[in-house]
Amino acid sequence: MKPKVKPIRLFVIVFSLFLLFVITGSILLRNYNEKKYPERFVDEIEIVNEGYDKSFPQIINEPVGGVPVGETYTFTPRVAPSDDLISLSLLDSPGWLTFDGVEVRGTPSEVGSFSFILRIEKEGLYVDEEIFLVVTD
């Protein structure tokens, strides 16, 4: 009695067709997205030519975007890649915000839209990241 090989052959054919459709679909989807959203697909050569260093530190966590009047706002920025040469400083902030080198903290006394800038500095180079905050009643 000969063993049945048809189910295995059928499985291989179906699986191969599935892989073909998945690969083709992902290529077509990427091409579509590259045309529709070209700013999301930046060539690494362009980045290097513009002088951007991917190893330069940046804030990697999202701050809370709002706080009620009278409650304390806190944000502890996490920077990556991190090393001992990085320094953070607070610029252009409302008077009620302070930065102790680790945490941005403050208690707003009025409703409004505010922003502050955290400067990330390393070896004489820096990047400013503006953070927006809405104070509600």
C-alpha atoms as a PDB file:
ATOM      1  CA  MET A   1       0.000   0.000   0.000  1.00  0.00           C
ATOM      2  CA  LYS A   2       1.381   3.315  -1.102  1.00  0.00           C
ATOM      3  CA  PRO A   3       1.217   6.255   1.392  1.00  0.00           C
ATOM      4  CA  LYS A   4      -0.872   9.237   0.402  1.00  0.00           C
ATOM      5  CA  VAL A   5       1.149  12.264  -0.623  1.00  0.00           C
ATOM      6  CA  LYS A   6      -1.666  14.357  -2.037  1.00  0.00           C
ATOM      7  CA  PRO A   7      -2.514  16.277   1.171  1.00  0.00           C
ATOM      8  CA  ILE A   8       1.121  17.252   1.700  1.00  0.00           C
ATOM      9  CA  ARG A   9       1.500  18.337  -1.919  1.00  0.00           C
ATOM     10  CA  LEU A  10      -1.723  20.354  -1.655  1.00  0.00           C
ATOM     11  CA  PHE A  11      -0.488  21.987   1.553  1.00  0.00           C
ATOM     12  CA  VAL A  12       2.835  22.951  -0.063  1.00  0.00           C
ATOM     13  CA  ILE A  13       1.045  24.468  -3.077  1.00  0.00           C
ATOM     14  CA  VAL A  14      -1.434  26.433  -0.915  1.00  0.00           C
ATOM     15  CA  PHE A  15       1.322  27.611   1.423  1.00  0.00           C
ATOM     16  CA  SER A  16       3.510  28.713  -1.516  1.00  0.00           C
ATOM     17  CA  LEU A  17       0.628  30.672  -3.053  1.00  0.00           C
ATOM     18  CA  PHE A  18      -0.080  32.269   0.321  1.00  0.00           C
ATOM     19  CA  LEU A  19       3.561  33.385   0.662  1.00  0.00           C
ATOM     20  CA  LEU A  20       3.524  34.731  -2.886  1.00  0.00           C
ATOM     21  CA  PHE A  21       0.409  36.825  -2.175  1.00  0.00           C
ATOM     22  CA  VAL A  22       1.775  38.110   1.153  1.00  0.00           C
ATOM     23  CA  ILE A  23       5.110  39.155  -0.326  1.00  0.00           C
ATOM     24  CA  THR A  24       3.511  40.748  -3.390  1.00  0.00           C
ATOM     25  CA  GLY A  25       0.941  42.518  -1.223  1.00  0.00           C
ATOM     26  CA  SER A  26       3.556  43.938   1.142  1.00  0.00           C
ATOM     27  CA  ILE A  27       5.648  45.226  -1.770  1.00  0.00           C
ATOM     28  CA  LEU A  28       2.614  46.869  -3.377  1.00  0.00           C
ATOM     29  CA  LEU A  29       1.540  48.371  -0.035  1.00  0.00           C
ATOM     30  CA  ARG A  30       5.000  49.788   0.623  1.00  0.00           C
ATOM     31  CA  ASN A  31       5.129  51.332  -2.873  1.00  0.00           C
ATOM     32  CA  TYR A  32       1.685  52.858  -2.352  1.00  0.00           C
ATOM     33  CA  ASN A  33       2.673  54.288   1.039  1.00  0.00           C
ATOM     34  CA  GLU A  34       5.961  55.653  -0.317  1.00  0.00           C
ATOM     35  CA  LYS A  35       4.035  57.591  -2.966  1.00  0.00           C
ATOM     36  CA  LYS A  36       1.282  58.780  -0.613  1.00  0.00           C
ATOM     37  CA  TYR A  37       3.531  59.601   2.388  1.00  0.00           C
ATOM     38  CA  PRO A  38       7.012  60.338   1.004  1.00  0.00           C
ATOM     39  CA  GLU A  39       8.084  62.121   4.214  1.00  0.00           C
ATOM     40  CA  ARG A  40       7.876  58.811   6.122  1.00  0.00           C
ATOM     41  CA  PHE A  41      10.317  57.057   3.801  1.00  0.00           C
ATOM     42  CA  VAL A  42      13.574  58.972   3.987  1.00  0.00           C
ATOM     43  CA  ASP A  43      16.573  57.397   2.380  1.00  0.00           C
ATOM     44  CA  GLU A  44      19.411  56.873   4.877  1.00  0.00           C
ATOM     45  CA  ILE A  45      21.849  58.391   2.377  1.00  0.00           C
ATOM     46  CA  GLU A  46      19.811  61.625   2.461  1.00  0.00           C
ATOM     47  CA  ILE A  47      19.978  61.644   6.271  1.00  0.00           C
ATOM     48  CA  VAL A  48      23.747  61.186   6.254  1.00  0.00           C
ATOM     49  CA  ASN A  49      24.158  63.888   3.600  1.00  0.00           C
ATOM     50  CA  GLU A  50      22.062  66.311   5.687  1.00  0.00           C
ATOM     51  CA  GLY A  51      24.468  65.766   8.586  1.00  0.00           C
ATOM     52  CA  TYR A  52      21.954  64.095  10.922  1.00  0.00           C
ATOM     53  CA  ASP A  53      23.589  61.736  13.357  1.00  0.00           C
ATOM     54  CA  LYS A  54      21.248  58.900  14.321  1.00  0.00           C
ATOM     55  CA  SER A  55      23.259  58.355  17.479  1.00  0.00           C
ATOM     56  CA  PHE A  56      22.447  61.868  18.772  1.00  0.00           C
ATOM     57  CA  PRO A  57      20.225  61.646  21.854  1.00  0.00           C
ATOM     58  CA  GLN A  58      16.509  62.375  21.736  1.00  0.00           C
ATOM     59  CA  ILE A  59      13.580  62.172  24.150  1.00  0.00           C
ATOM     60  CA  ILE A  60      11.921  58.792  23.692  1.00  0.00           C
ATOM     61  CA  ASN A  61       8.888  58.993  25.996  1.00  0.00           C
ATOM     62  CA  GLU A  62       5.690  61.023  25.437  1.00  0.00           C
ATOM     63  CA  PRO A  63       4.863  63.702  27.997  1.00  0.00           C
ATOM     64  CA  VAL A  64       1.342  64.113  29.339  1.00  0.00           C
ATOM     65  CA  GLY A  65      -0.335  66.773  27.194  1.00  0.00           C
ATOM     66  CA  GLY A  66      -2.685  68.228  29.788  1.00  0.00           C
ATOM     67  CA  VAL A  67      -3.163  68.955  33.458  1.00  0.00           C
ATOM     68  CA  PRO A  68      -5.955  70.618  35.492  1.00  0.00           C
ATOM     69  CA  VAL A  69      -5.336  73.969  37.214  1.00  0.00           C
ATOM     70  CA  GLY A  70      -3.905  73.493  40.707  1.00  0.00           C
ATOM     71  CA  GLU A  71      -2.624  69.952  40.121  1.00  0.00           C
ATOM     72  CA  THR A  72       1.072  69.203  39.825  1.00  0.00           C
ATOM     73  CA  TYR A  73       2.406  68.485  36.336  1.00  0.00           C
ATOM     74  CA  THR A  74       5.413  66.165  36.162  1.00  0.00           C
ATOM     75  CA  PHE A  75       7.416  64.854  33.241  1.00  0.00           C
ATOM     76  CA  THR A  76      10.586  62.781  33.522  1.00  0.00           C
ATOM     77  CA  PRO A  77      12.231  62.778  30.082  1.00  0.00           C
ATOM     78  CA  ARG A  78      13.968  59.585  29.028  1.00  0.00           C
ATOM     79  CA  VAL A  79      16.805  60.156  26.589  1.00  0.00           C
ATOM     80  CA  ALA A  80      18.276  57.565  24.246  1.00  0.00           C
ATOM     81  CA  PRO A  81      20.954  56.746  23.428  1.00  0.00           C
ATOM     82  CA  SER A  82      22.083  57.766  26.873  1.00  0.00           C
ATOM     83  CA  ASP A  83      25.543  58.381  28.262  1.00  0.00           C
ATOM     84  CA  ASP A  84      27.291  60.587  30.822  1.00  0.00           C
ATOM     85  CA  LEU A  85      28.029  63.376  28.314  1.00  0.00           C
ATOM     86  CA  ILE A  86      24.366  64.382  27.886  1.00  0.00           C
ATOM     87  CA  SER A  87      22.886  67.373  29.667  1.00  0.00           C
ATOM     88  CA  LEU A  88      19.274  68.557  29.686  1.00  0.00           C
ATOM     89  CA  SER A  89      18.070  72.084  30.327  1.00  0.00           C
ATOM     90  CA  LEU A  90      14.688  73.786  30.388  1.00  0.00           C
ATOM     91  CA  LEU A  91      14.181  76.797  28.093  1.00  0.00           C
ATOM     92  CA  ASP A  92      11.259  79.131  27.336  1.00  0.00           C
ATOM     93  CA  SER A  93       8.971  77.695  29.982  1.00  0.00           C
ATOM     94  CA  PRO A  94       6.091  79.198  31.962  1.00  0.00           C
ATOM     95  CA  GLY A  95       7.158  80.632  35.312  1.00  0.00           C
ATOM     96  CA  TRP A  96       5.504  77.842  37.263  1.00  0.00           C
ATOM     97  CA  LEU A  97       7.614  75.083  35.654  1.00  0.00           C
ATOM     98  CA  THR A  98      10.995  74.042  37.024  1.00  0.00           C
ATOM     99  CA  PHE A  99      13.544  71.435  36.027  1.00  0.00           C
ATOM    100  CA  ASP A 100      15.870  69.800  38.550  1.00  0.00           C
ATOM    101  CA  GLY A 101      17.943  67.936  35.961  1.00  0.00           C
ATOM    102  CA  VAL A 102      15.743  64.848  36.167  1.00  0.00           C
ATOM    103  CA  GLU A 103      12.102  65.963  36.237  1.00  0.00           C
ATOM    104  CA  VAL A 104      10.067  68.867  34.844  1.00  0.00           C
ATOM    105  CA  ARG A 105       7.596  69.849  37.557  1.00  0.00           C
ATOM    106  CA  GLY A 106       5.138  72.603  38.298  1.00  0.00           C
ATOM    107  CA  THR A 107       1.642  73.554  39.414  1.00  0.00           C
ATOM    108  CA  PRO A 108      -0.251  75.804  36.989  1.00  0.00           C
ATOM    109  CA  SER A 109      -2.447  78.565  38.405  1.00  0.00           C
ATOM    110  CA  GLU A 110      -4.271  79.528  35.203  1.00  0.00           C
ATOM    111  CA  VAL A 111      -6.031  77.876  32.275  1.00  0.00           C
ATOM    112  CA  GLY A 112      -4.324  78.036  28.882  1.00  0.00           C
ATOM    113  CA  SER A 113      -2.008  76.497  26.338  1.00  0.00           C
ATOM    114  CA  PHE A 114       1.658  76.505  27.232  1.00  0.00           C
ATOM    115  CA  SER A 115       4.857  75.125  25.810  1.00  0.00           C
ATOM    116  CA  PHE A 116       8.356  74.565  27.043  1.00  0.00           C
ATOM    117  CA  ILE A 117      11.600  73.535  25.403  1.00  0.00           C
ATOM    118  CA  LEU A 118      13.960  70.870  26.625  1.00  0.00           C
ATOM    119  CA  ARG A 119      17.466  71.242  25.258  1.00  0.00           C
ATOM    120  CA  ILE A 120      19.493  68.064  24.873  1.00  0.00           C
ATOM    121  CA  GLU A 121      23.187  68.892  24.712  1.00  0.00           C
ATOM    122  CA  LYS A 122      26.127  66.617  23.999  1.00  0.00           C
ATOM    123  CA  GLU A 123      29.712  67.602  23.248  1.00  0.00           C
ATOM    124  CA  GLY A 124      28.843  71.160  22.235  1.00  0.00           C
ATOM    125  CA  LEU A 125      25.949  70.135  19.955  1.00  0.00           C
ATOM    126  CA  TYR A 126      22.309  70.450  20.957  1.00  0.00           C
ATOM    127  CA  VAL A 127      18.751  69.718  19.909  1.00  0.00           C
ATOM    128  CA  ASP A 128      15.714  71.610  21.229  1.00  0.00           C
ATOM    129  CA  GLU A 129      12.479  69.670  21.662  1.00  0.00           C
ATOM    130  CA  GLU A 130       9.329  71.742  22.184  1.00  0.00           C
ATOM    131  CA  ILE A 131       6.616  70.199  24.345  1.00  0.00           C
ATOM    132  CA  PHE A 132       3.047  71.496  24.418  1.00  0.00           C
ATOM    133  CA  LEU A 133       0.829  71.457  27.482  1.00  0.00           C
ATOM    134  CA  VAL A 134      -2.846  72.368  27.911  1.00  0.00           C
ATOM    135  CA  VAL A 135      -4.059  73.487  31.351  1.00  0.00           C
ATOM    136  CA  THR A 136      -7.786  72.931  31.909  1.00  0.00           C
ATOM    137  CA  ASP A 137     -10.107  73.939  34.715  1.00  0.00           C
END
